[in-house]
Amino acid sequence: MTLATVKECLNQISTFINKLPSLLDFEQVEKMIDMLIYAQAANRSIFVVGAGRSGLIAKAFAMRLMHLGFHVYVIGETITPAAGKGDVLVAISGSGRTGIVVTVAQVAKQVGVKVVAVTSHPDSPLGKLSDHVVFVPGRTKISDETDYFSRQILGIHEPLAPLGTLFEIAAMVFLESIVTELMHRLGKTEEDLRARHATIEVP
């Protein structure tokens, strides 16, 4: 057994991630960081949203922001409070067409929330309605059915090393890099983050 498919997938992903810094627009990145820091300084809330695996990445990002002392909430959780003017929503969708993410962004705009889209498609519905877009490469072809939940119900899956996967991995790496930059700018250390880490956990 040569595991050729595993090796090919690993090579594809690692090559893609190595190219990621050259594919990002760091002026877009700078503005996103500024929006997050401004919201924190103004004692406003950060909300995150994503569907499926992008939703898990959104939660991971929210966890790190919590460690940094931000008022951060995940859309859909029971303890998520009302949002209002001056708050920020980070919406993650590779296609920029994921139904639930676009709907959340639309509602957020109606109540005065600033929307930051993390997507591979700036000209998508999500990108067009957002206040700021950060382009993170990944999917180069959008499936005919772009709503995450519809794809799951219909059993639509992507081929080897699916392009959606590349976006999700790139988004995860990108957002972790944002966290590291925020640590630097806010003067936070690993000890500061550890102090805010959960102490009551399910055994």
N, C-alpha and C. Protein backbone atom coordinates (compact mmCIF):
# COMPACT_ATOMS: atom_id res chain seq x y z
N MET A 1 0.85 -1.20 0.00
CA MET A 1 0.00 0.00 0.00
C MET A 1 0.88 1.25 0.00
N THR A 2 0.74 2.06 -1.03
CA THR A 2 1.60 3.24 -1.18
C THR A 2 0.99 4.51 -0.61
N LEU A 3 -0.33 4.49 -0.36
CA LEU A 3 -1.02 5.69 0.13
C LEU A 3 -0.77 6.89 -0.79
N ALA A 4 -0.78 6.64 -2.08
CA ALA A 4 -0.50 7.70 -3.04
C ALA A 4 -1.48 8.85 -2.92
N THR A 5 -2.76 8.53 -2.66
CA THR A 5 -3.76 9.58 -2.55
C THR A 5 -3.50 10.47 -1.34
N VAL A 6 -3.12 9.85 -0.22
CA VAL A 6 -2.79 10.63 0.98
C VAL A 6 -1.62 11.56 0.70
N LYS A 7 -0.59 11.02 0.08
CA LYS A 7 0.60 11.82 -0.21
C LYS A 7 0.29 12.97 -1.17
N GLU A 8 -0.50 12.66 -2.19
CA GLU A 8 -0.87 13.70 -3.15
C GLU A 8 -1.66 14.81 -2.48
N CYS A 9 -2.60 14.42 -1.61
CA CYS A 9 -3.41 15.41 -0.90
C CYS A 9 -2.55 16.26 0.03
N LEU A 10 -1.63 15.63 0.76
CA LEU A 10 -0.74 16.36 1.65
C LEU A 10 0.13 17.35 0.88
N ASN A 11 0.63 16.92 -0.26
CA ASN A 11 1.46 17.80 -1.08
C ASN A 11 0.65 18.99 -1.61
N GLN A 12 -0.58 18.71 -2.03
CA GLN A 12 -1.43 19.78 -2.55
C GLN A 12 -1.73 20.82 -1.48
N ILE A 13 -2.08 20.35 -0.30
CA ILE A 13 -2.43 21.26 0.78
C ILE A 13 -1.22 22.06 1.26
N SER A 14 -0.09 21.37 1.47
CA SER A 14 1.10 22.06 1.98
C SER A 14 1.62 23.08 0.98
N THR A 15 1.58 22.75 -0.31
CA THR A 15 2.00 23.69 -1.35
C THR A 15 1.10 24.92 -1.36
N PHE A 16 -0.19 24.68 -1.22
CA PHE A 16 -1.16 25.77 -1.21
C PHE A 16 -0.92 26.71 -0.03
N ILE A 17 -0.70 26.15 1.15
CA ILE A 17 -0.49 26.97 2.34
C ILE A 17 0.82 27.75 2.23
N ASN A 18 1.85 27.14 1.66
CA ASN A 18 3.11 27.85 1.49
C ASN A 18 2.96 29.08 0.59
N LYS A 19 2.01 29.02 -0.35
CA LYS A 19 1.78 30.14 -1.26
C LYS A 19 0.85 31.20 -0.67
N LEU A 20 0.18 30.86 0.42
CA LEU A 20 -0.86 31.73 0.95
C LEU A 20 -0.40 33.16 1.22
N PRO A 21 0.76 33.39 1.85
CA PRO A 21 1.17 34.78 2.13
C PRO A 21 1.26 35.64 0.87
N SER A 22 1.63 35.04 -0.24
CA SER A 22 1.76 35.82 -1.48
C SER A 22 0.42 36.06 -2.15
N LEU A 23 -0.62 35.38 -1.70
CA LEU A 23 -1.95 35.50 -2.31
C LEU A 23 -2.87 36.46 -1.55
N LEU A 24 -2.48 36.83 -0.34
CA LEU A 24 -3.30 37.72 0.48
C LEU A 24 -3.01 39.18 0.16
N ASP A 25 -4.01 40.01 0.34
CA ASP A 25 -3.87 41.45 0.22
C ASP A 25 -3.74 41.99 1.65
N PHE A 26 -2.54 42.42 2.03
CA PHE A 26 -2.31 42.77 3.42
C PHE A 26 -2.91 44.12 3.81
N GLU A 27 -3.33 44.90 2.84
CA GLU A 27 -4.11 46.10 3.17
C GLU A 27 -5.49 45.68 3.67
N GLN A 28 -6.06 44.65 3.05
CA GLN A 28 -7.33 44.09 3.53
C GLN A 28 -7.17 43.53 4.94
N VAL A 29 -6.06 42.84 5.16
CA VAL A 29 -5.80 42.25 6.47
C VAL A 29 -5.66 43.33 7.53
N GLU A 30 -4.92 44.39 7.19
CA GLU A 30 -4.71 45.49 8.12
C GLU A 30 -6.03 46.13 8.54
N LYS A 31 -6.92 46.34 7.56
CA LYS A 31 -8.20 46.96 7.88
C LYS A 31 -9.05 46.06 8.78
N MET A 32 -9.01 44.75 8.54
CA MET A 32 -9.76 43.83 9.40
C MET A 32 -9.26 43.91 10.84
N ILE A 33 -7.94 43.91 11.00
CA ILE A 33 -7.36 44.01 12.33
C ILE A 33 -7.77 45.32 13.00
N ASP A 34 -7.71 46.40 12.26
CA ASP A 34 -8.10 47.70 12.81
C ASP A 34 -9.56 47.70 13.27
N MET A 35 -10.44 47.06 12.50
CA MET A 35 -11.86 47.01 12.85
C MET A 35 -12.06 46.22 14.14
N LEU A 36 -11.33 45.13 14.31
CA LEU A 36 -11.45 44.33 15.53
C LEU A 36 -10.94 45.10 16.74
N ILE A 37 -9.80 45.74 16.60
CA ILE A 37 -9.21 46.48 17.72
C ILE A 37 -10.09 47.67 18.09
N TYR A 38 -10.62 48.36 17.08
CA TYR A 38 -11.50 49.50 17.36
C TYR A 38 -12.75 49.05 18.11
N ALA A 39 -13.32 47.93 17.69
CA ALA A 39 -14.52 47.42 18.37
C ALA A 39 -14.22 47.10 19.82
N GLN A 40 -13.07 46.50 20.07
CA GLN A 40 -12.72 46.19 21.45
C GLN A 40 -12.52 47.46 22.28
N ALA A 41 -11.83 48.44 21.70
CA ALA A 41 -11.57 49.69 22.41
C ALA A 41 -12.87 50.42 22.73
N ALA A 42 -13.87 50.27 21.86
CA ALA A 42 -15.16 50.92 22.06
C ALA A 42 -16.12 50.06 22.89
N ASN A 43 -15.59 48.96 23.42
CA ASN A 43 -16.38 48.05 24.25
C ASN A 43 -17.57 47.46 23.48
N ARG A 44 -17.35 47.21 22.19
CA ARG A 44 -18.37 46.60 21.36
C ARG A 44 -18.13 45.10 21.23
N SER A 45 -19.10 44.41 20.66
CA SER A 45 -19.02 42.95 20.54
C SER A 45 -18.57 42.52 19.16
N ILE A 46 -17.90 41.37 19.11
CA ILE A 46 -17.54 40.71 17.87
C ILE A 46 -18.41 39.47 17.74
N PHE A 47 -19.03 39.29 16.60
CA PHE A 47 -19.80 38.09 16.31
C PHE A 47 -19.14 37.34 15.18
N VAL A 48 -19.22 36.02 15.21
CA VAL A 48 -18.67 35.21 14.12
C VAL A 48 -19.75 34.27 13.62
N VAL A 49 -19.68 33.97 12.32
CA VAL A 49 -20.65 33.04 11.74
C VAL A 49 -20.00 32.28 10.59
N GLY A 50 -20.40 31.03 10.46
CA GLY A 50 -19.98 30.19 9.35
C GLY A 50 -20.85 28.95 9.39
N ALA A 51 -20.89 28.21 8.29
CA ALA A 51 -21.70 26.99 8.24
C ALA A 51 -20.78 25.79 8.02
N GLY A 52 -21.15 24.66 8.60
CA GLY A 52 -20.35 23.45 8.42
C GLY A 52 -18.95 23.61 9.00
N ARG A 53 -17.95 23.19 8.23
CA ARG A 53 -16.58 23.27 8.72
C ARG A 53 -16.11 24.71 8.86
N SER A 54 -16.61 25.59 8.02
CA SER A 54 -16.30 27.01 8.19
C SER A 54 -16.85 27.51 9.52
N GLY A 55 -17.96 26.92 9.96
CA GLY A 55 -18.52 27.27 11.26
C GLY A 55 -17.60 26.84 12.40
N LEU A 56 -16.96 25.68 12.24
CA LEU A 56 -16.01 25.23 13.26
C LEU A 56 -14.80 26.16 13.32
N ILE A 57 -14.36 26.62 12.16
CA ILE A 57 -13.24 27.56 12.11
C ILE A 57 -13.64 28.88 12.76
N ALA A 58 -14.88 29.31 12.53
CA ALA A 58 -15.38 30.53 13.16
C ALA A 58 -15.35 30.39 14.68
N LYS A 59 -15.76 29.22 15.18
CA LYS A 59 -15.75 28.98 16.62
C LYS A 59 -14.33 28.99 17.18
N ALA A 60 -13.40 28.40 16.43
CA ALA A 60 -12.00 28.39 16.88
C ALA A 60 -11.46 29.82 16.96
N PHE A 61 -11.81 30.64 15.98
CA PHE A 61 -11.38 32.05 15.99
C PHE A 61 -12.01 32.78 17.16
N ALA A 62 -13.29 32.53 17.41
CA ALA A 62 -13.98 33.16 18.54
C ALA A 62 -13.31 32.79 19.86
N MET A 63 -12.89 31.54 19.98
CA MET A 63 -12.23 31.10 21.21
C MET A 63 -10.95 31.89 21.45
N ARG A 64 -10.16 32.08 20.39
CA ARG A 64 -8.93 32.84 20.54
C ARG A 64 -9.20 34.31 20.87
N LEU A 65 -10.23 34.89 20.25
CA LEU A 65 -10.57 36.27 20.58
C LEU A 65 -11.00 36.39 22.03
N MET A 66 -11.73 35.39 22.52
CA MET A 66 -12.10 35.37 23.94
C MET A 66 -10.85 35.34 24.81
N HIS A 67 -9.89 34.52 24.43
CA HIS A 67 -8.63 34.44 25.19
C HIS A 67 -7.92 35.79 25.23
N LEU A 68 -8.12 36.60 24.16
CA LEU A 68 -7.49 37.91 24.09
C LEU A 68 -8.29 38.98 24.82
N GLY A 69 -9.47 38.62 25.32
CA GLY A 69 -10.26 39.57 26.08
C GLY A 69 -11.33 40.29 25.31
N PHE A 70 -11.60 39.87 24.06
CA PHE A 70 -12.68 40.47 23.28
C PHE A 70 -14.03 39.98 23.79
N HIS A 71 -15.05 40.82 23.60
CA HIS A 71 -16.43 40.38 23.82
C HIS A 71 -16.88 39.70 22.53
N VAL A 72 -16.82 38.39 22.49
CA VAL A 72 -17.04 37.67 21.24
C VAL A 72 -18.10 36.60 21.41
N TYR A 73 -18.92 36.43 20.37
CA TYR A 73 -20.04 35.48 20.42
C TYR A 73 -20.17 34.77 19.09
N VAL A 74 -20.67 33.54 19.16
CA VAL A 74 -20.91 32.73 17.97
C VAL A 74 -22.39 32.79 17.64
N ILE A 75 -22.71 33.21 16.42
CA ILE A 75 -24.11 33.28 16.00
C ILE A 75 -24.74 31.89 16.07
N GLY A 76 -25.93 31.83 16.67
CA GLY A 76 -26.64 30.56 16.79
C GLY A 76 -26.57 29.95 18.16
N GLU A 77 -25.61 30.40 19.00
CA GLU A 77 -25.52 29.89 20.36
C GLU A 77 -26.59 30.56 21.23
N THR A 78 -27.04 29.85 22.25
CA THR A 78 -28.14 30.36 23.07
C THR A 78 -27.77 31.59 23.89
N ILE A 79 -26.49 31.79 24.16
CA ILE A 79 -26.09 32.92 25.01
C ILE A 79 -25.68 34.15 24.18
N THR A 80 -25.85 34.09 22.87
CA THR A 80 -25.48 35.22 22.02
C THR A 80 -26.44 36.38 22.23
N PRO A 81 -25.93 37.55 22.61
CA PRO A 81 -26.81 38.69 22.90
C PRO A 81 -27.23 39.45 21.65
N ALA A 82 -28.04 40.45 21.84
CA ALA A 82 -28.44 41.32 20.74
C ALA A 82 -27.22 42.06 20.21
N ALA A 83 -27.22 42.29 18.91
CA ALA A 83 -26.14 43.05 18.28
C ALA A 83 -26.64 44.45 17.97
N GLY A 84 -25.70 45.37 17.85
CA GLY A 84 -26.09 46.74 17.56
C GLY A 84 -25.01 47.53 16.87
N LYS A 85 -25.26 48.79 16.65
CA LYS A 85 -24.36 49.67 15.93
C LYS A 85 -22.98 49.69 16.59
N GLY A 86 -21.97 49.51 15.79
CA GLY A 86 -20.61 49.52 16.29
C GLY A 86 -20.04 48.14 16.52
N ASP A 87 -20.90 47.12 16.56
CA ASP A 87 -20.43 45.74 16.67
C ASP A 87 -19.87 45.30 15.33
N VAL A 88 -19.16 44.18 15.33
CA VAL A 88 -18.55 43.65 14.11
C VAL A 88 -18.94 42.19 13.95
N LEU A 89 -19.31 41.80 12.74
CA LEU A 89 -19.59 40.42 12.40
C LEU A 89 -18.52 39.93 11.43
N VAL A 90 -17.84 38.83 11.80
CA VAL A 90 -16.91 38.17 10.89
C VAL A 90 -17.64 36.98 10.28
N ALA A 91 -17.91 37.07 8.99
CA ALA A 91 -18.68 36.04 8.28
C ALA A 91 -17.76 35.26 7.37
N ILE A 92 -17.72 33.93 7.57
CA ILE A 92 -16.78 33.08 6.84
C ILE A 92 -17.54 32.18 5.87
N SER A 93 -17.24 32.32 4.59
CA SER A 93 -17.87 31.49 3.56
C SER A 93 -17.00 31.50 2.31
N GLY A 94 -16.49 30.33 1.94
CA GLY A 94 -15.64 30.26 0.76
C GLY A 94 -16.34 30.75 -0.49
N SER A 95 -17.56 30.28 -0.71
CA SER A 95 -18.32 30.67 -1.89
C SER A 95 -18.90 32.07 -1.78
N GLY A 96 -19.13 32.52 -0.53
CA GLY A 96 -19.80 33.81 -0.33
C GLY A 96 -21.27 33.74 -0.62
N ARG A 97 -21.80 32.51 -0.78
CA ARG A 97 -23.20 32.33 -1.12
C ARG A 97 -23.93 31.43 -0.14
N THR A 98 -23.25 30.98 0.88
CA THR A 98 -23.87 30.09 1.85
C THR A 98 -25.08 30.78 2.45
N GLY A 99 -26.26 30.17 2.27
CA GLY A 99 -27.53 30.82 2.60
C GLY A 99 -27.59 31.40 3.99
N ILE A 100 -27.27 30.60 4.99
CA ILE A 100 -27.42 31.05 6.37
C ILE A 100 -26.45 32.17 6.69
N VAL A 101 -25.24 32.11 6.12
CA VAL A 101 -24.23 33.15 6.39
C VAL A 101 -24.65 34.48 5.75
N VAL A 102 -25.12 34.41 4.52
CA VAL A 102 -25.58 35.63 3.83
C VAL A 102 -26.77 36.24 4.58
N THR A 103 -27.69 35.40 5.02
CA THR A 103 -28.87 35.90 5.75
C THR A 103 -28.47 36.60 7.04
N VAL A 104 -27.56 35.98 7.78
CA VAL A 104 -27.07 36.59 9.03
C VAL A 104 -26.42 37.94 8.74
N ALA A 105 -25.62 38.00 7.69
CA ALA A 105 -24.95 39.25 7.34
C ALA A 105 -25.96 40.34 6.97
N GLN A 106 -27.01 39.94 6.25
CA GLN A 106 -28.04 40.91 5.88
C GLN A 106 -28.73 41.48 7.11
N VAL A 107 -29.07 40.62 8.04
CA VAL A 107 -29.73 41.07 9.28
C VAL A 107 -28.79 41.96 10.08
N ALA A 108 -27.52 41.57 10.14
CA ALA A 108 -26.53 42.36 10.88
C ALA A 108 -26.43 43.78 10.32
N LYS A 109 -26.42 43.89 9.01
CA LYS A 109 -26.35 45.22 8.39
C LYS A 109 -27.55 46.08 8.77
N GLN A 110 -28.71 45.45 8.88
CA GLN A 110 -29.94 46.19 9.20
C GLN A 110 -29.89 46.82 10.58
N VAL A 111 -29.12 46.23 11.50
CA VAL A 111 -29.04 46.78 12.86
C VAL A 111 -27.75 47.56 13.10
N GLY A 112 -27.02 47.84 12.02
CA GLY A 112 -25.86 48.70 12.14
C GLY A 112 -24.55 48.02 12.46
N VAL A 113 -24.50 46.70 12.31
CA VAL A 113 -23.27 45.95 12.56
C VAL A 113 -22.37 46.04 11.32
N LYS A 114 -21.08 46.22 11.54
CA LYS A 114 -20.11 46.21 10.45
C LYS A 114 -19.78 44.76 10.10
N VAL A 115 -19.90 44.41 8.83
CA VAL A 115 -19.70 43.03 8.40
C VAL A 115 -18.35 42.89 7.70
N VAL A 116 -17.56 41.94 8.19
CA VAL A 116 -16.29 41.59 7.55
C VAL A 116 -16.45 40.20 6.94
N ALA A 117 -16.30 40.11 5.63
CA ALA A 117 -16.42 38.83 4.95
C ALA A 117 -15.04 38.23 4.73
N VAL A 118 -14.90 36.95 5.08
CA VAL A 118 -13.70 36.18 4.75
C VAL A 118 -14.15 35.16 3.71
N THR A 119 -13.74 35.35 2.47
CA THR A 119 -14.29 34.58 1.36
C THR A 119 -13.31 34.49 0.19
N SER A 120 -13.53 33.50 -0.67
CA SER A 120 -12.75 33.38 -1.91
C SER A 120 -13.38 34.16 -3.05
N HIS A 121 -14.59 34.68 -2.81
CA HIS A 121 -15.35 35.33 -3.88
C HIS A 121 -15.85 36.71 -3.44
N PRO A 122 -15.01 37.73 -3.59
CA PRO A 122 -15.39 39.09 -3.19
C PRO A 122 -16.64 39.61 -3.89
N ASP A 123 -16.91 39.13 -5.11
CA ASP A 123 -18.08 39.61 -5.86
C ASP A 123 -19.34 38.80 -5.58
N SER A 124 -19.28 37.93 -4.58
CA SER A 124 -20.43 37.10 -4.19
C SER A 124 -21.46 37.94 -3.45
N PRO A 125 -22.65 37.39 -3.20
CA PRO A 125 -23.65 38.12 -2.40
C PRO A 125 -23.11 38.57 -1.04
N LEU A 126 -22.35 37.70 -0.37
CA LEU A 126 -21.78 38.09 0.92
C LEU A 126 -20.78 39.22 0.75
N GLY A 127 -19.91 39.09 -0.23
CA GLY A 127 -18.91 40.12 -0.46
C GLY A 127 -19.51 41.47 -0.78
N LYS A 128 -20.55 41.47 -1.60
CA LYS A 128 -21.17 42.72 -2.03
C LYS A 128 -21.89 43.46 -0.90
N LEU A 129 -22.41 42.73 0.07
CA LEU A 129 -23.15 43.42 1.14
C LEU A 129 -22.26 43.76 2.34
N SER A 130 -21.03 43.26 2.34
CA SER A 130 -20.14 43.47 3.47
C SER A 130 -19.51 44.86 3.46
N ASP A 131 -19.15 45.32 4.64
CA ASP A 131 -18.44 46.59 4.76
C ASP A 131 -16.96 46.43 4.39
N HIS A 132 -16.45 45.23 4.59
CA HIS A 132 -15.05 44.95 4.27
C HIS A 132 -14.91 43.48 3.90
N VAL A 133 -14.08 43.22 2.91
CA VAL A 133 -13.85 41.85 2.44
C VAL A 133 -12.37 41.52 2.54
N VAL A 134 -12.07 40.35 3.09
CA VAL A 134 -10.71 39.82 3.05
C VAL A 134 -10.74 38.59 2.15
N PHE A 135 -10.00 38.66 1.05
CA PHE A 135 -9.94 37.55 0.11
C PHE A 135 -9.00 36.48 0.64
N VAL A 136 -9.54 35.28 0.85
CA VAL A 136 -8.75 34.12 1.22
C VAL A 136 -8.98 33.08 0.12
N PRO A 137 -7.94 32.71 -0.62
CA PRO A 137 -8.13 31.82 -1.77
C PRO A 137 -8.55 30.42 -1.36
N GLY A 138 -9.14 29.72 -2.29
CA GLY A 138 -9.57 28.36 -2.04
C GLY A 138 -10.33 27.84 -3.23
N ARG A 139 -11.62 27.76 -3.11
CA ARG A 139 -12.47 27.24 -4.18
C ARG A 139 -12.37 28.11 -5.44
N THR A 140 -12.11 27.45 -6.56
CA THR A 140 -12.06 28.18 -7.83
C THR A 140 -13.30 27.94 -8.67
N LYS A 141 -14.09 26.96 -8.30
CA LYS A 141 -15.36 26.70 -8.99
C LYS A 141 -16.43 26.49 -7.94
N ILE A 142 -17.53 27.21 -8.07
CA ILE A 142 -18.62 27.11 -7.11
C ILE A 142 -19.57 26.00 -7.54
N SER A 143 -19.93 25.13 -6.61
CA SER A 143 -20.88 24.06 -6.91
C SER A 143 -22.22 24.64 -7.34
N ASP A 144 -22.99 23.88 -8.13
CA ASP A 144 -24.30 24.35 -8.56
C ASP A 144 -25.18 24.64 -7.35
N GLU A 145 -25.07 23.83 -6.32
CA GLU A 145 -25.82 24.05 -5.08
C GLU A 145 -24.85 24.61 -4.06
N THR A 146 -24.97 25.91 -3.74
CA THR A 146 -23.99 26.58 -2.90
C THR A 146 -24.38 26.67 -1.44
N ASP A 147 -25.60 26.35 -1.09
CA ASP A 147 -26.01 26.41 0.30
C ASP A 147 -25.50 25.16 1.01
N TYR A 148 -24.79 25.35 2.12
CA TYR A 148 -24.16 24.23 2.82
C TYR A 148 -25.15 23.16 3.21
N PHE A 149 -26.24 23.55 3.85
CA PHE A 149 -27.19 22.56 4.35
C PHE A 149 -27.88 21.82 3.20
N SER A 150 -28.14 22.52 2.10
CA SER A 150 -28.73 21.88 0.93
C SER A 150 -27.78 20.83 0.37
N ARG A 151 -26.49 21.14 0.32
CA ARG A 151 -25.51 20.18 -0.18
C ARG A 151 -25.48 18.92 0.67
N GLN A 152 -25.60 19.10 1.99
CA GLN A 152 -25.58 17.94 2.87
C GLN A 152 -26.81 17.07 2.66
N ILE A 153 -27.97 17.71 2.55
CA ILE A 153 -29.21 16.96 2.35
C ILE A 153 -29.19 16.21 1.02
N LEU A 154 -28.64 16.86 -0.02
CA LEU A 154 -28.61 16.25 -1.34
C LEU A 154 -27.47 15.27 -1.53
N GLY A 155 -26.58 15.20 -0.55
CA GLY A 155 -25.45 14.27 -0.64
C GLY A 155 -24.40 14.69 -1.65
N ILE A 156 -24.25 16.00 -1.85
CA ILE A 156 -23.27 16.50 -2.81
C ILE A 156 -21.91 16.63 -2.13
N HIS A 157 -20.91 15.95 -2.67
CA HIS A 157 -19.58 15.99 -2.09
C HIS A 157 -18.56 16.40 -3.15
N GLU A 158 -17.44 16.94 -2.70
CA GLU A 158 -16.39 17.39 -3.61
C GLU A 158 -15.40 16.26 -3.85
N PRO A 159 -14.57 16.35 -4.91
CA PRO A 159 -13.57 15.32 -5.21
C PRO A 159 -12.37 15.38 -4.28
N LEU A 160 -11.33 14.62 -4.61
CA LEU A 160 -10.10 14.56 -3.82
C LEU A 160 -9.59 15.96 -3.51
N ALA A 161 -9.12 16.16 -2.26
CA ALA A 161 -8.64 17.47 -1.82
C ALA A 161 -9.60 18.55 -2.29
N PRO A 162 -10.86 18.46 -1.89
CA PRO A 162 -11.87 19.39 -2.39
C PRO A 162 -11.46 20.83 -2.20
N LEU A 163 -11.82 21.66 -3.14
CA LEU A 163 -11.41 23.07 -3.10
C LEU A 163 -12.01 23.79 -1.91
N GLY A 164 -13.17 23.32 -1.45
CA GLY A 164 -13.72 23.88 -0.21
C GLY A 164 -12.79 23.63 0.95
N THR A 165 -12.16 22.46 0.96
CA THR A 165 -11.21 22.12 2.01
C THR A 165 -10.03 23.09 2.00
N LEU A 166 -9.53 23.42 0.82
CA LEU A 166 -8.41 24.36 0.74
C LEU A 166 -8.78 25.71 1.33
N PHE A 167 -9.99 26.18 1.06
CA PHE A 167 -10.42 27.45 1.66
C PHE A 167 -10.46 27.33 3.18
N GLU A 168 -11.05 26.26 3.67
CA GLU A 168 -11.21 26.09 5.12
C GLU A 168 -9.87 26.04 5.84
N ILE A 169 -8.93 25.31 5.25
CA ILE A 169 -7.59 25.23 5.86
C ILE A 169 -6.91 26.59 5.78
N ALA A 170 -7.02 27.25 4.63
CA ALA A 170 -6.42 28.57 4.48
C ALA A 170 -7.02 29.57 5.46
N ALA A 171 -8.34 29.52 5.62
CA ALA A 171 -9.02 30.43 6.55
C ALA A 171 -8.56 30.19 7.98
N MET A 172 -8.40 28.92 8.34
CA MET A 172 -7.94 28.58 9.69
C MET A 172 -6.54 29.15 9.93
N VAL A 173 -5.64 28.92 8.99
CA VAL A 173 -4.27 29.41 9.13
C VAL A 173 -4.25 30.94 9.15
N PHE A 174 -5.03 31.55 8.27
CA PHE A 174 -5.10 33.01 8.21
C PHE A 174 -5.59 33.61 9.52
N LEU A 175 -6.68 33.07 10.06
CA LEU A 175 -7.26 33.62 11.29
C LEU A 175 -6.35 33.38 12.49
N GLU A 176 -5.63 32.27 12.52
CA GLU A 176 -4.66 32.05 13.58
C GLU A 176 -3.54 33.09 13.50
N SER A 177 -3.18 33.47 12.27
CA SER A 177 -2.16 34.50 12.09
C SER A 177 -2.67 35.86 12.57
N ILE A 178 -3.96 36.11 12.35
CA ILE A 178 -4.58 37.34 12.86
C ILE A 178 -4.48 37.38 14.39
N VAL A 179 -4.74 36.25 15.01
CA VAL A 179 -4.66 36.17 16.47
C VAL A 179 -3.25 36.50 16.95
N THR A 180 -2.25 35.97 16.27
CA THR A 180 -0.86 36.24 16.66
C THR A 180 -0.53 37.73 16.53
N GLU A 181 -1.01 38.36 15.46
CA GLU A 181 -0.80 39.80 15.27
C GLU A 181 -1.51 40.59 16.37
N LEU A 182 -2.73 40.18 16.71
CA LEU A 182 -3.46 40.86 17.79
C LEU A 182 -2.73 40.72 19.12
N MET A 183 -2.18 39.54 19.38
CA MET A 183 -1.39 39.36 20.60
C MET A 183 -0.26 40.38 20.65
N HIS A 184 0.43 40.54 19.53
CA HIS A 184 1.56 41.47 19.46
C HIS A 184 1.10 42.90 19.70
N ARG A 185 0.02 43.32 19.02
CA ARG A 185 -0.43 44.71 19.11
C ARG A 185 -1.03 45.04 20.47
N LEU A 186 -1.66 44.05 21.08
CA LEU A 186 -2.30 44.28 22.38
C LEU A 186 -1.37 43.97 23.55
N GLY A 187 -0.17 43.54 23.25
CA GLY A 187 0.80 43.24 24.30
C GLY A 187 0.43 42.03 25.13
N LYS A 188 -0.21 41.05 24.51
CA LYS A 188 -0.63 39.85 25.22
C LYS A 188 0.41 38.73 25.06
N THR A 189 0.52 37.91 26.09
CA THR A 189 1.43 36.77 26.05
C THR A 189 0.63 35.47 26.13
N GLU A 190 1.32 34.35 25.96
CA GLU A 190 0.65 33.06 26.09
C GLU A 190 0.08 32.90 27.49
N GLU A 191 0.76 33.45 28.46
CA GLU A 191 0.26 33.37 29.84
C GLU A 191 -1.04 34.13 29.99
N ASP A 192 -1.16 35.27 29.33
CA ASP A 192 -2.41 36.02 29.36
C ASP A 192 -3.55 35.20 28.76
N LEU A 193 -3.27 34.54 27.64
CA LEU A 193 -4.29 33.71 27.00
C LEU A 193 -4.66 32.52 27.88
N ARG A 194 -3.64 31.91 28.46
CA ARG A 194 -3.88 30.74 29.31
C ARG A 194 -4.73 31.11 30.53
N ALA A 195 -4.57 32.33 31.02
CA ALA A 195 -5.34 32.77 32.19
C ALA A 195 -6.82 32.84 31.90
N ARG A 196 -7.20 33.02 30.62
CA ARG A 196 -8.60 33.10 30.24
C ARG A 196 -9.12 31.80 29.65
N HIS A 197 -8.27 30.79 29.63
CA HIS A 197 -8.69 29.49 29.09
C HIS A 197 -9.65 28.82 30.06
N ALA A 198 -10.54 28.00 29.53
CA ALA A 198 -11.57 27.34 30.35
C ALA A 198 -10.94 26.55 31.50
N THR A 199 -11.49 26.73 32.68
CA THR A 199 -11.04 25.96 33.85
C THR A 199 -12.07 24.95 34.28
N ILE A 200 -13.31 25.10 33.81
CA ILE A 200 -14.37 24.12 34.09
C ILE A 200 -14.66 23.40 32.78
N GLU A 201 -14.22 22.16 32.68
CA GLU A 201 -14.35 21.40 31.46
C GLU A 201 -14.94 20.03 31.74
N VAL A 202 -15.60 19.48 30.74
CA VAL A 202 -16.15 18.13 30.88
C VAL A 202 -15.02 17.13 30.89
N PRO A 203 -14.93 16.26 31.92
CA PRO A 203 -13.83 15.30 31.99
C PRO A 203 -13.93 14.23 30.90
